[in-house]
N, C-alpha and C. Protein backbone atom coordinates (compact mmCIF):
# COMPACT_ATOMS: atom_id res chain seq x y z
N LEU A 1 -14.64 -1.84 1.51
CA LEU A 1 -15.86 -1.11 1.19
C LEU A 1 -16.84 -1.29 2.33
N PHE A 2 -17.43 -0.19 2.76
CA PHE A 2 -18.50 -0.18 3.76
C PHE A 2 -19.68 0.53 3.13
N ALA A 3 -20.87 -0.01 3.26
CA ALA A 3 -22.06 0.65 2.73
C ALA A 3 -23.19 0.55 3.75
N GLY A 4 -23.76 1.69 4.10
CA GLY A 4 -24.89 1.72 5.01
C GLY A 4 -25.24 3.13 5.41
N ASN A 5 -26.51 3.47 5.25
CA ASN A 5 -26.93 4.84 5.57
C ASN A 5 -27.08 5.08 7.06
N GLY A 6 -27.42 4.08 7.82
CA GLY A 6 -27.46 4.24 9.28
C GLY A 6 -26.05 4.06 9.82
N PHE A 7 -25.17 4.98 9.50
CA PHE A 7 -23.73 4.84 9.73
C PHE A 7 -23.38 4.44 11.15
N TYR A 8 -23.99 5.06 12.14
CA TYR A 8 -23.62 4.80 13.54
C TYR A 8 -24.23 3.50 14.03
N ARG A 9 -25.47 3.19 13.64
CA ARG A 9 -26.08 1.90 13.98
C ARG A 9 -25.33 0.76 13.31
N LYS A 10 -24.76 1.04 12.17
CA LYS A 10 -24.04 0.01 11.43
C LYS A 10 -22.56 -0.05 11.80
N GLY A 11 -22.21 0.55 12.94
CA GLY A 11 -20.86 0.41 13.48
C GLY A 11 -19.81 1.26 12.79
N GLY A 12 -20.22 2.38 12.25
CA GLY A 12 -19.29 3.25 11.53
C GLY A 12 -18.13 3.75 12.37
N ILE A 13 -18.41 4.11 13.61
CA ILE A 13 -17.32 4.59 14.48
C ILE A 13 -16.32 3.47 14.74
N GLU A 14 -16.82 2.28 15.00
CA GLU A 14 -15.94 1.14 15.26
C GLU A 14 -15.11 0.81 14.01
N LEU A 15 -15.73 0.93 12.84
CA LEU A 15 -15.00 0.71 11.60
C LEU A 15 -13.85 1.71 11.45
N LEU A 16 -14.13 2.99 11.71
CA LEU A 16 -13.09 4.01 11.60
C LEU A 16 -11.95 3.76 12.59
N LYS A 17 -12.30 3.37 13.81
CA LYS A 17 -11.26 3.09 14.81
C LYS A 17 -10.40 1.90 14.38
N ALA A 18 -11.04 0.86 13.86
CA ALA A 18 -10.30 -0.32 13.41
C ALA A 18 -9.40 0.04 12.22
N PHE A 19 -9.92 0.87 11.33
CA PHE A 19 -9.12 1.28 10.17
C PHE A 19 -7.90 2.07 10.61
N GLN A 20 -8.06 2.94 11.58
CA GLN A 20 -6.92 3.70 12.09
C GLN A 20 -5.89 2.78 12.75
N ARG A 21 -6.36 1.77 13.50
CA ARG A 21 -5.45 0.83 14.16
C ARG A 21 -4.69 -0.04 13.16
N LEU A 22 -5.27 -0.20 11.99
CA LEU A 22 -4.62 -1.00 10.96
C LEU A 22 -3.22 -0.46 10.66
N GLY A 23 -3.10 0.86 10.64
CA GLY A 23 -1.79 1.48 10.53
C GLY A 23 -1.06 1.26 9.21
N ARG A 24 -1.79 0.99 8.17
CA ARG A 24 -1.15 0.77 6.86
C ARG A 24 -1.42 1.96 5.95
N GLU A 25 -0.37 2.54 5.46
CA GLU A 25 -0.52 3.69 4.56
C GLU A 25 -1.10 3.30 3.21
N ASP A 26 -0.95 2.03 2.82
CA ASP A 26 -1.47 1.59 1.53
C ASP A 26 -2.92 1.11 1.60
N ALA A 27 -3.50 1.06 2.80
CA ALA A 27 -4.89 0.64 2.95
C ALA A 27 -5.82 1.77 2.52
N ARG A 28 -6.96 1.40 1.96
CA ARG A 28 -7.97 2.37 1.54
C ARG A 28 -9.32 1.94 2.09
N LEU A 29 -10.13 2.92 2.46
CA LEU A 29 -11.47 2.65 2.95
C LEU A 29 -12.45 3.48 2.13
N CYS A 30 -13.37 2.81 1.49
CA CYS A 30 -14.42 3.47 0.72
C CYS A 30 -15.71 3.33 1.52
N ILE A 31 -16.32 4.46 1.88
CA ILE A 31 -17.56 4.47 2.65
C ILE A 31 -18.68 4.99 1.77
N VAL A 32 -19.76 4.23 1.69
CA VAL A 32 -20.96 4.67 0.99
C VAL A 32 -22.03 4.86 2.06
N SER A 33 -22.33 6.11 2.38
CA SER A 33 -23.26 6.41 3.47
C SER A 33 -23.65 7.88 3.45
N THR A 34 -24.83 8.14 3.99
CA THR A 34 -25.23 9.53 4.21
C THR A 34 -24.73 10.03 5.56
N LEU A 35 -24.14 9.13 6.34
CA LEU A 35 -23.64 9.41 7.70
C LEU A 35 -24.76 9.82 8.65
N GLU A 36 -25.97 9.39 8.36
CA GLU A 36 -27.10 9.77 9.21
C GLU A 36 -27.11 9.00 10.52
N VAL A 37 -27.71 9.63 11.51
CA VAL A 37 -27.98 8.98 12.79
C VAL A 37 -29.42 8.49 12.71
N ASP A 38 -29.63 7.19 12.86
CA ASP A 38 -30.99 6.67 12.83
C ASP A 38 -31.27 5.89 14.10
N TRP A 39 -32.18 4.98 14.09
CA TRP A 39 -32.61 4.27 15.29
C TRP A 39 -31.51 3.35 15.83
N GLY A 40 -31.63 3.02 17.10
CA GLY A 40 -30.79 2.00 17.71
C GLY A 40 -29.53 2.48 18.41
N VAL A 41 -28.79 3.36 17.80
CA VAL A 41 -27.54 3.86 18.38
C VAL A 41 -27.56 5.37 18.29
N GLU A 42 -27.34 6.02 19.42
CA GLU A 42 -27.31 7.48 19.45
C GLU A 42 -25.92 7.95 19.86
N PRO A 43 -25.09 8.25 18.88
CA PRO A 43 -23.74 8.72 19.22
C PRO A 43 -23.79 10.11 19.82
N SER A 44 -22.80 10.43 20.61
CA SER A 44 -22.71 11.78 21.17
C SER A 44 -22.31 12.75 20.06
N ALA A 45 -22.52 14.03 20.32
CA ALA A 45 -22.11 15.06 19.36
C ALA A 45 -20.60 14.98 19.12
N ALA A 46 -19.85 14.66 20.17
CA ALA A 46 -18.40 14.54 20.03
C ALA A 46 -18.03 13.36 19.12
N GLU A 47 -18.75 12.25 19.24
CA GLU A 47 -18.47 11.09 18.38
C GLU A 47 -18.79 11.39 16.92
N VAL A 48 -19.90 12.06 16.68
CA VAL A 48 -20.27 12.44 15.31
C VAL A 48 -19.22 13.37 14.73
N ALA A 49 -18.81 14.36 15.51
CA ALA A 49 -17.79 15.31 15.05
C ALA A 49 -16.48 14.60 14.76
N TRP A 50 -16.09 13.65 15.64
CA TRP A 50 -14.85 12.90 15.43
C TRP A 50 -14.93 12.09 14.15
N ALA A 51 -16.05 11.39 13.94
CA ALA A 51 -16.20 10.57 12.73
C ALA A 51 -16.12 11.42 11.47
N GLU A 52 -16.85 12.52 11.45
CA GLU A 52 -16.85 13.38 10.27
C GLU A 52 -15.47 13.99 10.02
N ARG A 53 -14.78 14.38 11.08
CA ARG A 53 -13.44 14.94 10.95
C ARG A 53 -12.45 13.88 10.46
N THR A 54 -12.56 12.68 11.01
CA THR A 54 -11.68 11.58 10.60
C THR A 54 -11.85 11.27 9.12
N ILE A 55 -13.10 11.19 8.68
CA ILE A 55 -13.37 10.91 7.26
C ILE A 55 -12.84 12.02 6.37
N ALA A 56 -13.04 13.25 6.79
CA ALA A 56 -12.60 14.40 5.98
C ALA A 56 -11.09 14.54 5.93
N ASP A 57 -10.42 14.21 7.03
CA ASP A 57 -8.98 14.48 7.15
C ASP A 57 -8.07 13.34 6.69
N ASP A 58 -8.58 12.13 6.60
CA ASP A 58 -7.74 10.99 6.24
C ASP A 58 -7.80 10.78 4.72
N PRO A 59 -6.71 11.03 4.01
CA PRO A 59 -6.74 10.89 2.55
C PRO A 59 -6.94 9.45 2.07
N ARG A 60 -6.83 8.49 2.98
CA ARG A 60 -7.05 7.08 2.60
C ARG A 60 -8.53 6.73 2.58
N ILE A 61 -9.38 7.63 3.10
CA ILE A 61 -10.82 7.37 3.19
C ILE A 61 -11.55 8.18 2.14
N THR A 62 -12.43 7.50 1.40
CA THR A 62 -13.28 8.14 0.41
C THR A 62 -14.73 7.97 0.84
N LEU A 63 -15.48 9.06 0.84
CA LEU A 63 -16.90 9.03 1.21
C LEU A 63 -17.75 9.31 -0.02
N HIS A 64 -18.73 8.44 -0.25
CA HIS A 64 -19.72 8.62 -1.31
C HIS A 64 -21.07 8.77 -0.63
N ARG A 65 -21.69 9.93 -0.76
CA ARG A 65 -23.00 10.19 -0.15
C ARG A 65 -24.10 10.08 -1.20
N GLY A 66 -25.14 9.34 -0.88
CA GLY A 66 -26.34 9.31 -1.71
C GLY A 66 -26.12 8.94 -3.16
N ILE A 67 -25.32 7.92 -3.40
CA ILE A 67 -25.06 7.53 -4.79
C ILE A 67 -26.14 6.57 -5.28
N PRO A 68 -26.35 6.49 -6.59
CA PRO A 68 -27.30 5.52 -7.13
C PRO A 68 -26.85 4.09 -6.85
N HIS A 69 -27.80 3.18 -6.78
CA HIS A 69 -27.51 1.79 -6.48
C HIS A 69 -26.55 1.18 -7.50
N ALA A 70 -26.70 1.55 -8.75
CA ALA A 70 -25.81 1.02 -9.79
C ALA A 70 -24.36 1.42 -9.52
N GLN A 71 -24.15 2.60 -8.97
CA GLN A 71 -22.79 3.03 -8.65
C GLN A 71 -22.23 2.24 -7.47
N LEU A 72 -23.09 1.92 -6.49
CA LEU A 72 -22.65 1.07 -5.38
C LEU A 72 -22.21 -0.29 -5.89
N LEU A 73 -22.98 -0.86 -6.80
CA LEU A 73 -22.61 -2.17 -7.35
C LEU A 73 -21.29 -2.08 -8.11
N GLN A 74 -21.05 -0.97 -8.79
CA GLN A 74 -19.77 -0.77 -9.48
C GLN A 74 -18.62 -0.71 -8.47
N LEU A 75 -18.84 0.00 -7.36
CA LEU A 75 -17.81 0.06 -6.31
C LEU A 75 -17.53 -1.32 -5.74
N MET A 76 -18.57 -2.14 -5.62
CA MET A 76 -18.38 -3.51 -5.13
C MET A 76 -17.50 -4.30 -6.08
N ARG A 77 -17.68 -4.10 -7.37
CA ARG A 77 -16.87 -4.83 -8.35
C ARG A 77 -15.40 -4.39 -8.30
N GLN A 78 -15.14 -3.19 -7.79
CA GLN A 78 -13.78 -2.66 -7.72
C GLN A 78 -13.10 -2.94 -6.37
N ALA A 79 -13.88 -3.27 -5.36
CA ALA A 79 -13.35 -3.43 -4.00
C ALA A 79 -12.65 -4.77 -3.82
N HIS A 80 -11.87 -4.86 -2.75
CA HIS A 80 -11.18 -6.11 -2.40
C HIS A 80 -11.91 -6.87 -1.30
N VAL A 81 -12.65 -6.14 -0.45
CA VAL A 81 -13.36 -6.77 0.67
C VAL A 81 -14.53 -5.87 1.06
N PHE A 82 -15.59 -6.48 1.59
CA PHE A 82 -16.74 -5.73 2.10
C PHE A 82 -16.78 -5.90 3.61
N VAL A 83 -17.02 -4.80 4.32
CA VAL A 83 -17.05 -4.83 5.78
C VAL A 83 -18.43 -4.39 6.27
N SER A 84 -19.03 -5.20 7.14
CA SER A 84 -20.30 -4.86 7.76
C SER A 84 -20.12 -4.96 9.28
N THR A 85 -20.10 -3.82 9.94
CA THR A 85 -19.86 -3.77 11.38
C THR A 85 -21.14 -3.46 12.15
N THR A 86 -22.28 -3.79 11.59
CA THR A 86 -23.57 -3.38 12.14
C THR A 86 -23.85 -3.96 13.53
N PHE A 87 -24.55 -3.16 14.32
CA PHE A 87 -25.04 -3.60 15.63
C PHE A 87 -26.44 -4.18 15.52
N ALA A 88 -27.21 -3.67 14.58
CA ALA A 88 -28.60 -4.10 14.42
C ALA A 88 -29.02 -3.89 12.98
N ASP A 89 -29.50 -4.95 12.37
CA ASP A 89 -29.95 -4.86 10.99
C ASP A 89 -30.94 -5.99 10.77
N PRO A 90 -32.18 -5.67 10.43
CA PRO A 90 -33.17 -6.73 10.24
C PRO A 90 -32.74 -7.75 9.17
N PHE A 91 -32.19 -7.26 8.08
CA PHE A 91 -31.67 -8.13 7.03
C PHE A 91 -30.71 -7.30 6.19
N ASN A 92 -29.46 -7.66 6.20
CA ASN A 92 -28.43 -6.85 5.56
C ASN A 92 -28.26 -7.24 4.10
N ASN A 93 -29.01 -6.57 3.23
CA ASN A 93 -28.95 -6.86 1.80
C ASN A 93 -27.58 -6.60 1.20
N THR A 94 -26.87 -5.61 1.75
CA THR A 94 -25.57 -5.28 1.15
C THR A 94 -24.58 -6.43 1.28
N ILE A 95 -24.71 -7.23 2.32
CA ILE A 95 -23.83 -8.41 2.44
C ILE A 95 -24.09 -9.37 1.29
N LEU A 96 -25.36 -9.60 0.99
CA LEU A 96 -25.69 -10.50 -0.12
C LEU A 96 -25.21 -9.94 -1.45
N GLU A 97 -25.38 -8.63 -1.63
CA GLU A 97 -24.92 -8.00 -2.87
C GLU A 97 -23.40 -8.09 -2.99
N ALA A 98 -22.70 -7.88 -1.89
CA ALA A 98 -21.24 -7.98 -1.91
C ALA A 98 -20.80 -9.40 -2.24
N MET A 99 -21.46 -10.37 -1.63
CA MET A 99 -21.13 -11.76 -1.93
C MET A 99 -21.42 -12.07 -3.40
N GLY A 100 -22.53 -11.53 -3.90
CA GLY A 100 -22.87 -11.71 -5.31
C GLY A 100 -21.84 -11.11 -6.24
N ALA A 101 -21.16 -10.06 -5.77
CA ALA A 101 -20.10 -9.43 -6.56
C ALA A 101 -18.76 -10.15 -6.38
N GLY A 102 -18.76 -11.23 -5.58
CA GLY A 102 -17.55 -12.01 -5.39
C GLY A 102 -16.62 -11.50 -4.30
N LEU A 103 -17.12 -10.58 -3.46
CA LEU A 103 -16.28 -10.01 -2.41
C LEU A 103 -16.26 -10.90 -1.17
N PRO A 104 -15.10 -11.07 -0.55
CA PRO A 104 -15.10 -11.65 0.79
C PRO A 104 -15.75 -10.63 1.73
N VAL A 105 -16.42 -11.13 2.75
CA VAL A 105 -17.16 -10.26 3.68
C VAL A 105 -16.62 -10.45 5.09
N ILE A 106 -16.33 -9.33 5.74
CA ILE A 106 -16.00 -9.30 7.16
C ILE A 106 -17.20 -8.69 7.84
N ALA A 107 -17.84 -9.43 8.75
CA ALA A 107 -19.09 -8.95 9.34
C ALA A 107 -19.13 -9.19 10.84
N SER A 108 -19.84 -8.30 11.51
CA SER A 108 -20.10 -8.49 12.93
C SER A 108 -21.13 -9.59 13.10
N LYS A 109 -21.18 -10.17 14.28
CA LYS A 109 -22.13 -11.25 14.56
C LYS A 109 -23.44 -10.62 15.03
N VAL A 110 -24.40 -10.59 14.15
CA VAL A 110 -25.71 -10.01 14.49
C VAL A 110 -26.77 -11.06 14.27
């Protein structure tokens, strides 16, 4: 499970690349994001197009846009692991929420 509205600042492209390298047909990636470009990281138009195409074309990836917080917490209870690949985050609340839901967390060093 990945959750973050600043998708590119939060390492969304790197997450997608790592997921593709995983090479497991039984792996699933659930993304909760608006896929917005915000401060800190400015992906190229080609990178944005690649990310959106990858998410749309890979049946192992599920995208949830703009869901209520209660639904995110439900997804956390169903997930096996939480991934935070952020480049910059003043305080990543989703990591604490994931830990509170009992999820192991894989996170970048920020």
